[in-house]
N, C-alpha and C. Protein backbone atom coordinates (compact mmCIF):
# COMPACT_ATOMS: atom_id res chain seq x y z
N MET A 1 113.94 107.46 87.31
CA MET A 1 113.99 107.27 88.74
C MET A 1 112.72 107.87 89.33
N PHE A 2 112.11 107.13 90.25
CA PHE A 2 110.92 107.59 90.94
C PHE A 2 111.30 107.88 92.39
N SER A 3 110.91 109.03 92.91
CA SER A 3 111.26 109.40 94.27
C SER A 3 110.16 110.29 94.85
N THR A 4 110.08 110.32 96.17
CA THR A 4 109.10 111.19 96.82
C THR A 4 109.67 112.59 97.04
N VAL A 5 110.97 112.77 96.79
CA VAL A 5 111.61 114.08 96.91
C VAL A 5 112.53 114.29 95.71
N ARG A 6 112.77 115.53 95.35
CA ARG A 6 113.69 115.85 94.26
C ARG A 6 115.10 115.53 94.74
N LEU A 7 115.86 114.81 93.93
CA LEU A 7 117.21 114.40 94.27
C LEU A 7 118.22 115.12 93.37
N GLU A 8 119.42 115.34 93.90
CA GLU A 8 120.50 115.90 93.10
C GLU A 8 121.09 114.76 92.28
N THR A 9 120.71 114.69 91.01
CA THR A 9 121.18 113.63 90.14
C THR A 9 121.04 114.05 88.69
N ASP A 10 121.85 113.43 87.83
CA ASP A 10 121.71 113.68 86.40
C ASP A 10 120.74 112.70 85.76
N LYS A 11 120.19 111.79 86.56
CA LYS A 11 119.24 110.81 86.06
C LYS A 11 117.86 111.44 85.91
N LYS A 12 117.11 110.97 84.93
CA LYS A 12 115.73 111.44 84.75
C LYS A 12 114.93 110.99 85.97
N GLN A 13 114.18 111.90 86.56
CA GLN A 13 113.43 111.53 87.76
C GLN A 13 112.01 112.07 87.73
N PHE A 14 111.15 111.34 88.42
CA PHE A 14 109.75 111.71 88.57
C PHE A 14 109.46 111.75 90.06
N VAL A 15 108.98 112.87 90.56
CA VAL A 15 108.65 113.01 91.97
C VAL A 15 107.20 112.59 92.17
N VAL A 16 106.98 111.68 93.12
CA VAL A 16 105.64 111.17 93.41
C VAL A 16 105.32 111.39 94.88
N PHE A 17 104.04 111.43 95.16
CA PHE A 17 103.57 111.54 96.53
C PHE A 17 103.05 110.19 96.96
N PRO A 18 103.49 109.65 98.10
CA PRO A 18 103.14 108.29 98.50
C PRO A 18 101.64 108.05 98.67
N PHE A 19 100.90 109.05 99.04
CA PHE A 19 99.48 108.85 99.30
C PHE A 19 98.63 109.64 98.29
N ALA A 20 99.02 109.57 97.03
CA ALA A 20 98.31 110.31 95.98
C ALA A 20 96.92 109.73 95.75
N ASN A 21 95.95 110.62 95.45
CA ASN A 21 94.60 110.14 95.13
C ASN A 21 94.58 109.63 93.69
N ASP A 22 93.45 109.07 93.26
CA ASP A 22 93.34 108.47 91.94
C ASP A 22 93.61 109.47 90.82
N ILE A 23 93.14 110.70 90.98
CA ILE A 23 93.34 111.73 89.95
C ILE A 23 94.84 112.05 89.84
N ALA A 24 95.51 112.19 90.96
CA ALA A 24 96.95 112.48 90.94
C ALA A 24 97.73 111.31 90.35
N LYS A 25 97.33 110.07 90.67
CA LYS A 25 98.01 108.90 90.12
C LYS A 25 97.87 108.86 88.60
N LYS A 26 96.66 109.13 88.10
CA LYS A 26 96.42 109.11 86.65
C LYS A 26 97.24 110.21 85.98
N SER A 27 97.26 111.38 86.55
CA SER A 27 98.03 112.49 86.00
C SER A 27 99.52 112.16 85.98
N PHE A 28 100.01 111.57 87.06
CA PHE A 28 101.42 111.18 87.14
C PHE A 28 101.75 110.16 86.07
N ARG A 29 100.90 109.14 85.92
CA ARG A 29 101.14 108.09 84.93
C ARG A 29 101.19 108.69 83.52
N GLU A 30 100.28 109.62 83.23
CA GLU A 30 100.27 110.27 81.91
C GLU A 30 101.56 111.08 81.70
N LYS A 31 102.04 111.73 82.75
CA LYS A 31 103.28 112.50 82.65
C LYS A 31 104.46 111.57 82.35
N VAL A 32 104.53 110.45 83.03
CA VAL A 32 105.61 109.49 82.80
C VAL A 32 105.54 108.96 81.37
N LEU A 33 104.35 108.55 80.95
CA LEU A 33 104.19 108.02 79.59
C LEU A 33 104.60 109.04 78.54
N GLU A 34 104.23 110.28 78.73
CA GLU A 34 104.59 111.32 77.77
C GLU A 34 106.10 111.51 77.71
N ASN A 35 106.77 111.40 78.85
CA ASN A 35 108.21 111.61 78.89
C ASN A 35 109.02 110.44 78.35
N ILE A 36 108.43 109.26 78.29
CA ILE A 36 109.23 108.11 77.83
C ILE A 36 108.75 107.55 76.50
N ARG A 37 107.85 108.23 75.83
CA ARG A 37 107.38 107.73 74.52
C ARG A 37 108.56 107.62 73.56
N ILE A 38 108.62 106.50 72.91
CA ILE A 38 109.68 106.24 71.93
C ILE A 38 109.00 105.69 70.69
N SER A 39 109.34 106.23 69.54
CA SER A 39 108.68 105.76 68.33
C SER A 39 109.03 104.31 68.05
N GLU A 40 108.08 103.57 67.48
CA GLU A 40 108.26 102.14 67.20
C GLU A 40 109.50 101.88 66.35
N GLY A 41 109.81 102.78 65.43
CA GLY A 41 110.97 102.57 64.57
C GLY A 41 112.29 102.58 65.31
N GLU A 42 112.33 103.20 66.48
CA GLU A 42 113.57 103.30 67.23
C GLU A 42 113.74 102.16 68.23
N VAL A 43 112.73 101.37 68.44
CA VAL A 43 112.78 100.34 69.46
C VAL A 43 113.54 99.13 68.94
N LYS A 44 114.59 98.76 69.63
CA LYS A 44 115.35 97.57 69.26
C LYS A 44 114.61 96.35 69.79
N LEU A 45 114.69 95.28 69.02
CA LEU A 45 113.98 94.06 69.37
C LEU A 45 114.29 93.59 70.79
N GLN A 46 115.55 93.62 71.19
CA GLN A 46 115.93 93.11 72.52
C GLN A 46 115.45 94.01 73.65
N SER A 47 114.93 95.19 73.32
CA SER A 47 114.39 96.09 74.34
C SER A 47 112.88 95.99 74.45
N ARG A 48 112.28 95.08 73.72
CA ARG A 48 110.83 94.92 73.77
C ARG A 48 110.43 94.03 74.94
N LEU A 49 109.23 94.26 75.42
CA LEU A 49 108.71 93.58 76.60
C LEU A 49 108.82 92.05 76.56
N PRO A 50 108.41 91.38 75.47
CA PRO A 50 108.47 89.91 75.49
C PRO A 50 109.90 89.35 75.61
N PHE A 51 110.89 90.11 75.17
CA PHE A 51 112.27 89.66 75.26
C PHE A 51 112.86 89.90 76.64
N LEU A 52 112.42 90.97 77.31
CA LEU A 52 112.90 91.25 78.66
C LEU A 52 112.16 90.44 79.71
N LEU A 53 110.96 89.98 79.37
CA LEU A 53 110.13 89.22 80.32
C LEU A 53 109.64 87.92 79.64
N PRO A 54 110.56 86.96 79.44
CA PRO A 54 110.16 85.70 78.79
C PRO A 54 109.41 84.79 79.76
N ASP A 55 108.78 83.76 79.20
CA ASP A 55 107.97 82.81 79.98
C ASP A 55 108.68 82.32 81.24
N GLU A 56 109.96 81.99 81.12
CA GLU A 56 110.67 81.37 82.25
C GLU A 56 110.90 82.32 83.43
N ARG A 57 110.65 83.60 83.25
CA ARG A 57 110.77 84.54 84.37
C ARG A 57 109.41 85.03 84.86
N ILE A 58 108.35 84.34 84.45
CA ILE A 58 106.99 84.64 84.91
C ILE A 58 106.59 83.55 85.89
N GLN A 59 106.19 83.94 87.09
CA GLN A 59 105.83 82.98 88.14
C GLN A 59 104.41 83.25 88.63
N ILE A 60 103.73 82.18 88.96
CA ILE A 60 102.42 82.26 89.61
C ILE A 60 102.51 81.40 90.85
N THR A 61 102.15 81.95 91.99
CA THR A 61 102.23 81.19 93.23
C THR A 61 100.90 81.23 93.97
N GLN A 62 100.66 80.19 94.76
CA GLN A 62 99.51 80.16 95.66
C GLN A 62 99.95 80.51 97.08
N GLU A 63 101.26 80.66 97.26
CA GLU A 63 101.82 81.03 98.56
C GLU A 63 101.37 82.45 98.90
N ARG A 64 101.22 82.74 100.19
CA ARG A 64 100.85 84.06 100.67
C ARG A 64 101.98 84.61 101.56
N PRO A 65 103.05 85.07 100.92
CA PRO A 65 104.22 85.54 101.69
C PRO A 65 103.98 86.95 102.25
N ASP A 66 104.89 87.38 103.13
CA ASP A 66 104.87 88.80 103.51
C ASP A 66 105.46 89.58 102.34
N TRP A 67 105.37 90.90 102.39
CA TRP A 67 105.75 91.70 101.22
C TRP A 67 107.24 91.61 100.90
N LYS A 68 108.09 91.51 101.90
CA LYS A 68 109.53 91.41 101.63
C LYS A 68 109.85 90.09 100.92
N LYS A 69 109.26 89.00 101.41
CA LYS A 69 109.49 87.72 100.76
C LYS A 69 108.91 87.72 99.35
N ALA A 70 107.80 88.41 99.15
CA ALA A 70 107.19 88.48 97.82
C ALA A 70 108.15 89.16 96.83
N ILE A 71 108.80 90.23 97.24
CA ILE A 71 109.78 90.89 96.36
C ILE A 71 110.95 89.95 96.10
N ARG A 72 111.42 89.25 97.13
CA ARG A 72 112.52 88.29 96.93
C ARG A 72 112.11 87.17 95.97
N MET A 73 110.89 86.67 96.12
CA MET A 73 110.39 85.62 95.21
C MET A 73 110.31 86.15 93.78
N ALA A 74 109.80 87.37 93.63
CA ALA A 74 109.66 87.96 92.30
C ALA A 74 111.02 88.17 91.64
N ALA A 75 112.02 88.51 92.43
CA ALA A 75 113.36 88.78 91.90
C ALA A 75 114.18 87.52 91.66
N ALA A 76 113.77 86.39 92.21
CA ALA A 76 114.57 85.16 92.15
C ALA A 76 115.01 84.76 90.74
N PRO A 77 114.14 84.82 89.72
CA PRO A 77 114.62 84.43 88.38
C PRO A 77 115.76 85.32 87.87
N LEU A 78 115.73 86.60 88.20
CA LEU A 78 116.81 87.50 87.79
C LEU A 78 118.08 87.21 88.58
N LEU A 79 117.93 86.97 89.87
CA LEU A 79 119.07 86.67 90.73
C LEU A 79 119.71 85.33 90.33
N ASP A 80 118.89 84.31 90.15
CA ASP A 80 119.38 82.97 89.81
C ASP A 80 120.08 82.91 88.46
N ASN A 81 119.73 83.82 87.56
CA ASN A 81 120.31 83.81 86.22
C ASN A 81 121.34 84.90 85.99
N GLY A 82 121.81 85.53 87.08
CA GLY A 82 122.91 86.47 87.00
C GLY A 82 122.61 87.85 86.44
N PHE A 83 121.34 88.24 86.39
CA PHE A 83 121.00 89.58 85.95
C PHE A 83 121.30 90.60 87.05
N ILE A 84 121.12 90.19 88.30
CA ILE A 84 121.29 91.06 89.46
C ILE A 84 122.00 90.29 90.56
N ASN A 85 122.45 91.01 91.60
CA ASN A 85 122.99 90.33 92.77
C ASN A 85 122.05 90.55 93.96
N GLN A 86 122.36 89.94 95.08
CA GLN A 86 121.50 90.01 96.27
C GLN A 86 121.34 91.44 96.77
N ASN A 87 122.37 92.26 96.63
CA ASN A 87 122.28 93.65 97.06
C ASN A 87 121.16 94.39 96.33
N TYR A 88 120.99 94.10 95.05
CA TYR A 88 119.94 94.74 94.26
C TYR A 88 118.56 94.42 94.85
N VAL A 89 118.36 93.17 95.22
CA VAL A 89 117.08 92.75 95.80
C VAL A 89 116.84 93.46 97.13
N GLU A 90 117.85 93.48 97.98
CA GLU A 90 117.71 94.12 99.29
C GLU A 90 117.50 95.63 99.15
N ARG A 91 118.14 96.24 98.18
CA ARG A 91 117.94 97.67 97.96
C ARG A 91 116.52 97.96 97.45
N ALA A 92 115.98 97.07 96.61
CA ALA A 92 114.59 97.24 96.14
C ALA A 92 113.63 97.17 97.33
N ILE A 93 113.89 96.27 98.27
CA ILE A 93 113.08 96.17 99.48
C ILE A 93 113.23 97.42 100.33
N ASP A 94 114.47 97.89 100.45
CA ASP A 94 114.74 99.08 101.24
C ASP A 94 114.03 100.32 100.68
N MET A 95 113.90 100.37 99.37
CA MET A 95 113.20 101.50 98.75
C MET A 95 111.74 101.56 99.18
N VAL A 96 111.15 100.41 99.44
CA VAL A 96 109.76 100.36 99.91
C VAL A 96 109.73 100.60 101.42
N GLU A 97 110.64 99.98 102.15
CA GLU A 97 110.62 100.04 103.61
C GLU A 97 111.07 101.40 104.15
N THR A 98 112.18 101.90 103.67
CA THR A 98 112.76 103.12 104.22
C THR A 98 112.35 104.36 103.44
N ASP A 99 112.48 104.29 102.12
CA ASP A 99 112.21 105.46 101.29
C ASP A 99 110.72 105.66 101.01
N LYS A 100 109.92 104.59 101.23
CA LYS A 100 108.48 104.60 100.97
C LYS A 100 108.16 105.10 99.56
N ARG A 101 108.90 104.56 98.59
CA ARG A 101 108.67 104.91 97.19
C ARG A 101 107.33 104.36 96.73
N PHE A 102 106.61 105.15 95.98
CA PHE A 102 105.35 104.71 95.40
C PHE A 102 105.68 104.09 94.05
N ILE A 103 105.65 102.75 93.99
CA ILE A 103 106.08 102.03 92.80
C ILE A 103 104.92 101.31 92.12
N MET A 104 103.70 101.72 92.47
CA MET A 104 102.51 101.11 91.86
C MET A 104 102.30 101.75 90.49
N ILE A 105 102.22 100.90 89.47
CA ILE A 105 102.06 101.41 88.11
C ILE A 105 100.66 101.18 87.56
N ALA A 106 99.86 100.39 88.25
CA ALA A 106 98.46 100.15 87.92
C ALA A 106 97.83 99.59 89.19
N ASP A 107 96.52 99.48 89.20
CA ASP A 107 95.84 98.96 90.39
C ASP A 107 96.35 97.57 90.73
N GLY A 108 97.03 97.45 91.86
CA GLY A 108 97.53 96.17 92.33
C GLY A 108 98.78 95.67 91.65
N VAL A 109 99.44 96.52 90.86
CA VAL A 109 100.66 96.13 90.15
C VAL A 109 101.79 97.06 90.56
N ILE A 110 102.88 96.49 91.08
CA ILE A 110 104.04 97.31 91.44
C ILE A 110 105.23 96.89 90.59
N ILE A 111 106.15 97.83 90.44
CA ILE A 111 107.39 97.55 89.73
C ILE A 111 108.54 97.79 90.72
N ALA A 112 109.06 96.70 91.24
CA ALA A 112 110.14 96.77 92.23
C ALA A 112 111.48 96.89 91.50
N HIS A 113 112.30 97.78 91.98
CA HIS A 113 113.61 97.98 91.35
C HIS A 113 114.52 98.72 92.31
N ALA A 114 115.78 98.71 91.97
CA ALA A 114 116.78 99.50 92.68
C ALA A 114 117.49 100.34 91.63
N GLY A 115 118.61 100.96 92.01
CA GLY A 115 119.32 101.82 91.08
C GLY A 115 120.25 101.06 90.15
N VAL A 116 120.71 101.74 89.10
CA VAL A 116 121.60 101.11 88.13
C VAL A 116 122.95 100.74 88.77
N ASP A 117 123.28 101.35 89.89
CA ASP A 117 124.55 101.08 90.57
C ASP A 117 124.39 100.17 91.79
N ASP A 118 123.23 99.54 91.94
CA ASP A 118 122.96 98.74 93.13
C ASP A 118 123.14 97.24 92.94
N GLY A 119 123.83 96.83 91.87
CA GLY A 119 124.08 95.41 91.69
C GLY A 119 123.34 94.78 90.54
N VAL A 120 123.18 95.52 89.45
CA VAL A 120 122.53 94.98 88.26
C VAL A 120 123.60 94.75 87.19
N TYR A 121 123.55 93.58 86.56
CA TYR A 121 124.55 93.21 85.55
C TYR A 121 124.01 93.28 84.13
N SER A 122 122.75 92.95 83.94
CA SER A 122 122.17 93.07 82.61
C SER A 122 120.68 93.31 82.70
N MET A 123 120.12 93.76 81.58
CA MET A 123 118.74 94.18 81.54
C MET A 123 117.80 92.98 81.49
N GLY A 124 116.75 93.05 82.31
CA GLY A 124 115.75 92.01 82.31
C GLY A 124 114.60 92.36 83.25
N MET A 125 113.56 91.54 83.17
CA MET A 125 112.40 91.70 84.05
C MET A 125 111.98 90.32 84.53
N SER A 126 111.33 90.29 85.68
CA SER A 126 110.68 89.08 86.17
C SER A 126 109.31 89.49 86.71
N PHE A 127 108.44 88.49 86.90
CA PHE A 127 107.02 88.74 87.20
C PHE A 127 106.54 87.70 88.19
N LEU A 128 105.81 88.14 89.20
CA LEU A 128 105.20 87.23 90.17
C LEU A 128 103.75 87.63 90.38
N LYS A 129 102.85 86.64 90.23
CA LYS A 129 101.43 86.86 90.52
C LYS A 129 101.11 86.12 91.81
N LEU A 130 100.58 86.85 92.77
CA LEU A 130 100.17 86.30 94.07
C LEU A 130 98.69 85.96 94.04
N PRO A 131 98.22 85.11 94.96
CA PRO A 131 96.79 84.74 94.94
C PRO A 131 95.85 85.87 95.38
N GLU A 132 96.38 86.83 96.10
CA GLU A 132 95.57 87.97 96.55
C GLU A 132 96.50 89.14 96.86
N LYS A 133 95.91 90.34 96.92
CA LYS A 133 96.71 91.52 97.23
C LYS A 133 97.23 91.44 98.66
N LEU A 134 98.45 91.95 98.83
CA LEU A 134 99.00 92.08 100.17
C LEU A 134 99.52 93.49 100.34
N SER A 135 99.63 93.91 101.58
CA SER A 135 100.07 95.27 101.87
C SER A 135 101.59 95.35 101.82
N PHE A 136 102.08 96.30 101.06
CA PHE A 136 103.51 96.55 100.98
C PHE A 136 103.84 97.71 101.91
N ASN A 137 104.35 97.36 103.08
CA ASN A 137 104.77 98.32 104.10
C ASN A 137 103.65 99.27 104.51
N GLY A 138 102.40 98.84 104.37
CA GLY A 138 101.28 99.62 104.87
C GLY A 138 100.82 100.75 103.97
N TYR A 139 101.43 100.93 102.78
CA TYR A 139 100.98 102.04 101.95
C TYR A 139 100.68 101.68 100.49
N MET A 140 100.87 100.43 100.11
CA MET A 140 100.49 99.97 98.76
C MET A 140 99.96 98.55 98.89
N ASP A 141 98.94 98.22 98.14
CA ASP A 141 98.42 96.85 98.09
C ASP A 141 98.59 96.33 96.67
N ALA A 142 99.21 95.15 96.55
CA ALA A 142 99.46 94.61 95.22
C ALA A 142 99.43 93.09 95.24
N ASP A 143 99.06 92.53 94.09
CA ASP A 143 99.13 91.08 93.90
C ASP A 143 99.95 90.71 92.68
N ILE A 144 100.47 91.70 91.97
CA ILE A 144 101.36 91.46 90.84
C ILE A 144 102.62 92.30 91.05
N ILE A 145 103.76 91.62 91.00
CA ILE A 145 105.05 92.29 91.18
C ILE A 145 105.89 92.07 89.93
N VAL A 146 106.35 93.15 89.35
CA VAL A 146 107.31 93.09 88.25
C VAL A 146 108.62 93.62 88.81
N VAL A 147 109.70 92.88 88.63
CA VAL A 147 111.02 93.36 89.04
C VAL A 147 111.75 93.78 87.78
N LEU A 148 112.29 94.97 87.80
CA LEU A 148 113.02 95.54 86.67
C LEU A 148 114.49 95.63 87.03
N ALA A 149 115.34 95.13 86.14
CA ALA A 149 116.80 95.27 86.28
C ALA A 149 117.31 95.96 85.02
N THR A 150 118.02 97.05 85.20
CA THR A 150 118.60 97.74 84.05
C THR A 150 119.95 98.35 84.44
N PRO A 151 120.97 98.13 83.63
CA PRO A 151 122.29 98.67 83.94
C PRO A 151 122.50 100.11 83.49
N ASP A 152 121.51 100.69 82.81
CA ASP A 152 121.63 102.09 82.42
C ASP A 152 120.26 102.78 82.53
N LYS A 153 120.23 104.05 82.20
CA LYS A 153 119.03 104.84 82.44
C LYS A 153 117.99 104.79 81.33
N THR A 154 118.32 104.25 80.16
CA THR A 154 117.39 104.41 79.05
C THR A 154 117.02 103.13 78.29
N ARG A 155 117.87 102.13 78.25
CA ARG A 155 117.61 100.97 77.38
C ARG A 155 116.32 100.24 77.71
N HIS A 156 115.88 100.28 78.95
CA HIS A 156 114.67 99.57 79.37
C HIS A 156 113.38 100.34 79.06
N LEU A 157 113.49 101.59 78.67
CA LEU A 157 112.31 102.43 78.50
C LEU A 157 111.31 101.90 77.47
N PRO A 158 111.74 101.35 76.33
CA PRO A 158 110.73 100.80 75.41
C PRO A 158 109.88 99.71 76.05
N ALA A 159 110.51 98.78 76.77
CA ALA A 159 109.75 97.71 77.42
C ALA A 159 108.87 98.26 78.53
N LEU A 160 109.36 99.24 79.27
CA LEU A 160 108.58 99.84 80.34
C LEU A 160 107.35 100.54 79.76
N TYR A 161 107.54 101.26 78.66
CA TYR A 161 106.41 101.90 78.00
C TYR A 161 105.40 100.85 77.54
N GLN A 162 105.88 99.74 76.98
CA GLN A 162 104.98 98.68 76.53
C GLN A 162 104.21 98.08 77.70
N LEU A 163 104.88 97.93 78.84
CA LEU A 163 104.21 97.41 80.04
C LEU A 163 103.13 98.39 80.49
N PHE A 164 103.43 99.68 80.52
CA PHE A 164 102.43 100.68 80.88
C PHE A 164 101.24 100.61 79.93
N ASP A 165 101.53 100.48 78.65
CA ASP A 165 100.47 100.40 77.64
C ASP A 165 99.59 99.17 77.88
N LEU A 166 100.20 98.05 78.15
CA LEU A 166 99.47 96.81 78.44
C LEU A 166 98.56 96.98 79.65
N LEU A 167 99.07 97.63 80.68
CA LEU A 167 98.33 97.77 81.93
C LEU A 167 97.27 98.87 81.89
N GLU A 168 97.31 99.72 80.88
CA GLU A 168 96.26 100.73 80.72
C GLU A 168 94.91 100.08 80.49
N ASP A 169 94.91 98.88 79.94
CA ASP A 169 93.68 98.14 79.65
C ASP A 169 93.36 97.23 80.84
N GLU A 170 92.33 97.57 81.57
CA GLU A 170 91.94 96.79 82.76
C GLU A 170 91.67 95.33 82.41
N GLY A 171 91.24 95.08 81.17
CA GLY A 171 91.02 93.71 80.72
C GLY A 171 92.29 92.88 80.74
N ASN A 172 93.43 93.51 80.42
CA ASN A 172 94.71 92.80 80.47
C ASN A 172 95.10 92.45 81.90
N ILE A 173 94.87 93.38 82.82
CA ILE A 173 95.18 93.11 84.23
C ILE A 173 94.29 91.97 84.74
N SER A 174 93.02 92.01 84.39
CA SER A 174 92.10 90.93 84.79
C SER A 174 92.55 89.59 84.22
N ALA A 175 92.99 89.59 82.96
CA ALA A 175 93.46 88.36 82.33
C ALA A 175 94.70 87.82 83.06
N MET A 176 95.58 88.72 83.49
CA MET A 176 96.76 88.29 84.26
C MET A 176 96.33 87.65 85.57
N ARG A 177 95.35 88.26 86.21
CA ARG A 177 94.90 87.72 87.51
C ARG A 177 94.20 86.38 87.35
N ARG A 178 93.55 86.14 86.22
CA ARG A 178 92.87 84.85 85.97
C ARG A 178 93.81 83.77 85.47
N ALA A 179 94.99 84.16 85.01
CA ALA A 179 95.92 83.22 84.39
C ALA A 179 96.26 82.07 85.33
N LYS A 180 96.30 80.88 84.76
CA LYS A 180 96.63 79.67 85.51
C LYS A 180 98.10 79.28 85.35
N ASP A 181 98.74 79.78 84.28
CA ASP A 181 100.16 79.47 84.09
C ASP A 181 100.86 80.63 83.39
N ALA A 182 102.19 80.57 83.37
CA ALA A 182 103.01 81.64 82.81
C ALA A 182 102.73 81.87 81.34
N HIS A 183 102.39 80.82 80.60
CA HIS A 183 102.16 80.95 79.16
C HIS A 183 100.97 81.86 78.85
N GLU A 184 99.95 81.85 79.70
CA GLU A 184 98.80 82.73 79.48
C GLU A 184 99.21 84.19 79.61
N ILE A 185 100.07 84.48 80.57
CA ILE A 185 100.55 85.86 80.75
C ILE A 185 101.49 86.23 79.61
N ALA A 186 102.36 85.30 79.22
CA ALA A 186 103.30 85.56 78.13
C ALA A 186 102.57 85.86 76.83
N ARG A 187 101.43 85.24 76.60
CA ARG A 187 100.64 85.51 75.38
C ARG A 187 100.22 86.98 75.33
N LEU A 188 99.89 87.55 76.48
CA LEU A 188 99.52 88.97 76.51
C LEU A 188 100.71 89.85 76.12
N LEU A 189 101.90 89.45 76.55
CA LEU A 189 103.10 90.23 76.28
C LEU A 189 103.53 90.16 74.82
N ARG A 190 103.23 89.05 74.17
CA ARG A 190 103.73 88.81 72.80
C ARG A 190 103.16 89.78 71.77
N LYS A 191 102.09 90.47 72.10
CA LYS A 191 101.56 91.43 71.12
C LYS A 191 102.53 92.59 70.93
N TYR A 192 103.56 92.69 71.77
CA TYR A 192 104.54 93.77 71.67
C TYR A 192 105.81 93.36 70.94
N ILE A 193 105.80 92.21 70.26
CA ILE A 193 106.99 91.80 69.49
C ILE A 193 107.10 92.66 68.26
């Protein structure tokens, strides 16, 4: 769980500052990676990135929506296929609007999510690439949105770690931005099978 304040919870949490500088962001990302490292031998196949984010849940649009609609668009494949309900999507939006959660995991890449009790039925991810960065509630700019749905606190961590690893390489982010179709992005993910 990512929050701007320490919460009373038994869930693993990382406290972030909404307006962190680049050094603080890098330090935070390293702290998260260190805390969620899982050895390759322990990773179950269905928890790997390519299985949680298949081609059919990767979208590329030329539309320039507002940030709320962008999150709804990004979540649509999960909603349409019964991974989450509408409450989950609205709660993910509320986390940006009201809680001002810093959910940027790389330059221009955010991971929108809500809690495990906010209407998630099964584990999955979806992806939306926008034609240009847009402002998310005035404090984050992004053109790539990943929506994460997980019904528990730990099963998604291998895929999340793999996503962080992929995004550590600026060349991969550039390749995502240049991609013309979902298959080009999916090819980047397949190295984690």
